[in-house]
């Protein structure tokens, strides 16, 4: 994987490599508050986090928002309790530049060794991939 460092929701810095090395599996979830399919998928991601966080899953939310308030409100509203980051530059961001993300929601699963094990999974497929690596 390619490391990224972006502003975190609390005003600090989010460094992907720090999170990857501390967890068995990291799910990078690219989304935005204005994205209908992202919002529709989020309850499943919240459920996945509740089910697998104790077993070594961490999620990193990377928002493609421009409006800081809309972003922060969506995080609260949808109960996204994992690390969140955003450059608040819509599509002009590190994920489109380094990972060629052209649509959202977009997911990337990274194991503890830094190997990308799956991409662009949602719903049942995403859960099956997480389960396979953690159980």
C-alpha atoms as a PDB file:
ATOM      1  CA  UNK A   1       0.000   0.000   0.000  1.00  0.00           C
ATOM      2  CA  UNK A   2       0.996   3.610  -0.350  1.00  0.00           C
ATOM      3  CA  UNK A   3       1.045   5.577   2.901  1.00  0.00           C
ATOM      4  CA  UNK A   4      -1.141   8.667   3.189  1.00  0.00           C
ATOM      5  CA  UNK A   5      -1.134  11.434   5.743  1.00  0.00           C
ATOM      6  CA  UNK A   6      -4.210  13.642   5.866  1.00  0.00           C
ATOM      7  CA  UNK A   7      -5.893  15.982   8.353  1.00  0.00           C
ATOM      8  CA  UNK A   8      -7.994  14.094  10.916  1.00  0.00           C
ATOM      9  CA  UNK A   9     -11.459  15.063  12.063  1.00  0.00           C
ATOM     10  CA  UNK A  10     -10.125  16.241  15.436  1.00  0.00           C
ATOM     11  CA  UNK A  11      -7.718  18.703  13.841  1.00  0.00           C
ATOM     12  CA  UNK A  12      -4.672  16.455  14.076  1.00  0.00           C
ATOM     13  CA  UNK A  13      -3.089  14.190  11.522  1.00  0.00           C
ATOM     14  CA  UNK A  14      -4.128  10.746  10.317  1.00  0.00           C
ATOM     15  CA  UNK A  15      -1.265   8.541   9.117  1.00  0.00           C
ATOM     16  CA  UNK A  16      -2.420   5.354   7.433  1.00  0.00           C
ATOM     17  CA  UNK A  17       0.804   3.400   8.098  1.00  0.00           C
ATOM     18  CA  UNK A  18       0.431   3.891  11.874  1.00  0.00           C
ATOM     19  CA  UNK A  19      -3.043   2.377  11.792  1.00  0.00           C
ATOM     20  CA  UNK A  20      -2.097  -0.492   9.457  1.00  0.00           C
ATOM     21  CA  UNK A  21       0.788  -1.685  11.645  1.00  0.00           C
ATOM     22  CA  UNK A  22      -1.336  -1.600  14.824  1.00  0.00           C
ATOM     23  CA  UNK A  23      -4.176  -3.776  13.495  1.00  0.00           C
ATOM     24  CA  UNK A  24      -4.600  -7.197  11.895  1.00  0.00           C
ATOM     25  CA  UNK A  25      -6.740  -5.704   9.129  1.00  0.00           C
ATOM     26  CA  UNK A  26      -7.469  -2.134   8.079  1.00  0.00           C
ATOM     27  CA  UNK A  27     -10.418  -1.099   5.967  1.00  0.00           C
ATOM     28  CA  UNK A  28      -9.921   2.199   4.161  1.00  0.00           C
ATOM     29  CA  UNK A  29     -13.400   3.495   3.368  1.00  0.00           C
ATOM     30  CA  UNK A  30     -13.607   6.388   0.901  1.00  0.00           C
ATOM     31  CA  UNK A  31     -16.969   8.120   1.205  1.00  0.00           C
ATOM     32  CA  UNK A  32     -18.706  11.521   1.395  1.00  0.00           C
ATOM     33  CA  UNK A  33     -21.674  12.971   3.264  1.00  0.00           C
ATOM     34  CA  UNK A  34     -23.359  13.888  -0.040  1.00  0.00           C
ATOM     35  CA  UNK A  35     -22.956  10.382  -1.537  1.00  0.00           C
ATOM     36  CA  UNK A  36     -26.233   8.431  -1.436  1.00  0.00           C
ATOM     37  CA  UNK A  37     -24.667   4.984  -2.024  1.00  0.00           C
ATOM     38  CA  UNK A  38     -22.076   5.733   0.703  1.00  0.00           C
ATOM     39  CA  UNK A  39     -24.807   6.600   3.199  1.00  0.00           C
ATOM     40  CA  UNK A  40     -26.795   3.513   2.204  1.00  0.00           C
ATOM     41  CA  UNK A  41     -23.748   1.282   2.808  1.00  0.00           C
ATOM     42  CA  UNK A  42     -22.735   2.889   6.126  1.00  0.00           C
ATOM     43  CA  UNK A  43     -25.076   0.919   8.449  1.00  0.00           C
ATOM     44  CA  UNK A  44     -23.420  -2.266   7.167  1.00  0.00           C
ATOM     45  CA  UNK A  45     -19.941  -0.815   7.784  1.00  0.00           C
ATOM     46  CA  UNK A  46     -20.957   0.239  11.319  1.00  0.00           C
ATOM     47  CA  UNK A  47     -22.204  -3.318  11.952  1.00  0.00           C
ATOM     48  CA  UNK A  48     -18.976  -4.772  10.531  1.00  0.00           C
ATOM     49  CA  UNK A  49     -16.935  -2.559  12.869  1.00  0.00           C
ATOM     50  CA  UNK A  50     -18.980  -3.614  15.904  1.00  0.00           C
ATOM     51  CA  UNK A  51     -18.582  -7.273  14.995  1.00  0.00           C
ATOM     52  CA  UNK A  52     -14.859  -7.346  14.073  1.00  0.00           C
ATOM     53  CA  UNK A  53     -13.094  -4.440  15.805  1.00  0.00           C
ATOM     54  CA  UNK A  54     -12.265  -6.574  18.864  1.00  0.00           C
ATOM     55  CA  UNK A  55     -10.816  -9.228  16.533  1.00  0.00           C
ATOM     56  CA  UNK A  56      -8.338  -6.798  14.958  1.00  0.00           C
ATOM     57  CA  UNK A  57     -10.260  -4.735  12.378  1.00  0.00           C
ATOM     58  CA  UNK A  58      -9.751  -0.993  12.184  1.00  0.00           C
ATOM     59  CA  UNK A  59     -11.526   1.268   9.749  1.00  0.00           C
ATOM     60  CA  UNK A  60     -10.183   4.531   8.382  1.00  0.00           C
ATOM     61  CA  UNK A  61     -12.801   6.794   6.868  1.00  0.00           C
ATOM     62  CA  UNK A  62     -11.521   9.146   4.185  1.00  0.00           C
ATOM     63  CA  UNK A  63     -14.106  11.691   3.210  1.00  0.00           C
ATOM     64  CA  UNK A  64     -14.382  13.363  -0.184  1.00  0.00           C
ATOM     65  CA  UNK A  65     -16.359  16.237   1.332  1.00  0.00           C
ATOM     66  CA  UNK A  66     -15.618  19.924   0.884  1.00  0.00           C
ATOM     67  CA  UNK A  67     -17.903  21.195   3.645  1.00  0.00           C
ATOM     68  CA  UNK A  68     -16.385  20.528   7.055  1.00  0.00           C
ATOM     69  CA  UNK A  69     -19.673  20.829   8.953  1.00  0.00           C
ATOM     70  CA  UNK A  70     -21.526  18.448   6.616  1.00  0.00           C
ATOM     71  CA  UNK A  71     -18.687  15.935   7.006  1.00  0.00           C
ATOM     72  CA  UNK A  72     -18.580  16.126  10.805  1.00  0.00           C
ATOM     73  CA  UNK A  73     -22.370  15.984  11.077  1.00  0.00           C
ATOM     74  CA  UNK A  74     -22.533  12.864   8.864  1.00  0.00           C
ATOM     75  CA  UNK A  75     -19.853  11.125  10.979  1.00  0.00           C
ATOM     76  CA  UNK A  76     -21.900  11.787  14.111  1.00  0.00           C
ATOM     77  CA  UNK A  77     -25.255  11.015  12.535  1.00  0.00           C
ATOM     78  CA  UNK A  78     -24.146   7.663  11.117  1.00  0.00           C
ATOM     79  CA  UNK A  79     -22.251   6.629  14.281  1.00  0.00           C
ATOM     80  CA  UNK A  80     -18.857   6.297  12.584  1.00  0.00           C
ATOM     81  CA  UNK A  81     -16.646   5.880  15.648  1.00  0.00           C
ATOM     82  CA  UNK A  82     -13.414   4.979  13.841  1.00  0.00           C
ATOM     83  CA  UNK A  83     -10.618   7.347  12.697  1.00  0.00           C
ATOM     84  CA  UNK A  84     -11.756   9.879  10.090  1.00  0.00           C
ATOM     85  CA  UNK A  85      -9.759  12.129   7.797  1.00  0.00           C
ATOM     86  CA  UNK A  86     -10.398  14.535   4.961  1.00  0.00           C
ATOM     87  CA  UNK A  87      -8.542  17.122   2.971  1.00  0.00           C
ATOM     88  CA  UNK A  88     -11.928  18.805   2.366  1.00  0.00           C
ATOM     89  CA  UNK A  89     -11.084  19.084  -1.342  1.00  0.00           C
ATOM     90  CA  UNK A  90     -13.745  16.836  -2.864  1.00  0.00           C
ATOM     91  CA  UNK A  91     -12.186  14.766  -5.691  1.00  0.00           C
ATOM     92  CA  UNK A  92      -8.877  16.664  -5.651  1.00  0.00           C
ATOM     93  CA  UNK A  93      -7.383  14.487  -2.927  1.00  0.00           C
ATOM     94  CA  UNK A  94      -4.642  12.010  -2.105  1.00  0.00           C
ATOM     95  CA  UNK A  95      -6.857   8.958  -2.671  1.00  0.00           C
ATOM     96  CA  UNK A  96      -7.709   9.914  -6.249  1.00  0.00           C
ATOM     97  CA  UNK A  97      -4.054  10.751  -6.906  1.00  0.00           C
ATOM     98  CA  UNK A  98      -2.351   7.752  -5.255  1.00  0.00           C
ATOM     99  CA  UNK A  99      -5.032   5.051  -5.437  1.00  0.00           C
ATOM    100  CA  UNK A 100      -6.871   6.069  -8.603  1.00  0.00           C
ATOM    101  CA  UNK A 101     -10.228   6.204  -6.798  1.00  0.00           C
ATOM    102  CA  UNK A 102     -12.774   7.226  -9.426  1.00  0.00           C
ATOM    103  CA  UNK A 103     -16.023   6.426  -7.625  1.00  0.00           C
ATOM    104  CA  UNK A 104     -17.288   6.185  -4.052  1.00  0.00           C
ATOM    105  CA  UNK A 105     -17.953   4.315  -1.898  1.00  0.00           C
ATOM    106  CA  UNK A 106     -14.559   2.735  -2.464  1.00  0.00           C
ATOM    107  CA  UNK A 107     -13.003   0.278  -0.037  1.00  0.00           C
ATOM    108  CA  UNK A 108      -9.468  -1.017   0.358  1.00  0.00           C
ATOM    109  CA  UNK A 109      -8.563  -3.847   2.752  1.00  0.00           C
ATOM    110  CA  UNK A 110      -4.954  -3.868   3.956  1.00  0.00           C
ATOM    111  CA  UNK A 111      -3.413  -6.570   6.113  1.00  0.00           C
ATOM    112  CA  UNK A 112      -0.920  -5.917   8.920  1.00  0.00           C
ATOM    113  CA  UNK A 113       2.012  -6.481   6.554  1.00  0.00           C
ATOM    114  CA  UNK A 114       0.814  -3.625   4.356  1.00  0.00           C
ATOM    115  CA  UNK A 115      -0.496  -5.847   1.570  1.00  0.00           C
ATOM    116  CA  UNK A 116      -3.720  -4.811  -0.148  1.00  0.00           C
ATOM    117  CA  UNK A 117      -5.842  -7.964   0.075  1.00  0.00           C
ATOM    118  CA  UNK A 118      -9.071  -6.673  -1.511  1.00  0.00           C
ATOM    119  CA  UNK A 119     -10.600  -3.566  -3.066  1.00  0.00           C
ATOM    120  CA  UNK A 120     -14.017  -2.249  -4.008  1.00  0.00           C
ATOM    121  CA  UNK A 121     -16.018  -4.683  -1.889  1.00  0.00           C
ATOM    122  CA  UNK A 122     -19.350  -3.860  -0.270  1.00  0.00           C
ATOM    123  CA  UNK A 123     -22.036  -5.585   1.738  1.00  0.00           C
ATOM    124  CA  UNK A 124     -21.781  -9.370   2.048  1.00  0.00           C
ATOM    125  CA  UNK A 125     -18.585  -9.583  -0.055  1.00  0.00           C
ATOM    126  CA  UNK A 126     -16.834  -7.113   2.249  1.00  0.00           C
ATOM    127  CA  UNK A 127     -17.902  -8.996   5.355  1.00  0.00           C
ATOM    128  CA  UNK A 128     -16.766 -12.314   3.884  1.00  0.00           C
ATOM    129  CA  UNK A 129     -13.306 -10.868   3.112  1.00  0.00           C
ATOM    130  CA  UNK A 130     -12.971  -9.439   6.638  1.00  0.00           C
ATOM    131  CA  UNK A 131     -14.158 -12.708   8.191  1.00  0.00           C
ATOM    132  CA  UNK A 132     -11.667 -14.683   6.097  1.00  0.00           C
ATOM    133  CA  UNK A 133      -8.737 -12.627   7.415  1.00  0.00           C
ATOM    134  CA  UNK A 134      -9.816 -12.422  11.061  1.00  0.00           C
ATOM    135  CA  UNK A 135     -11.405 -15.755  11.934  1.00  0.00           C
END
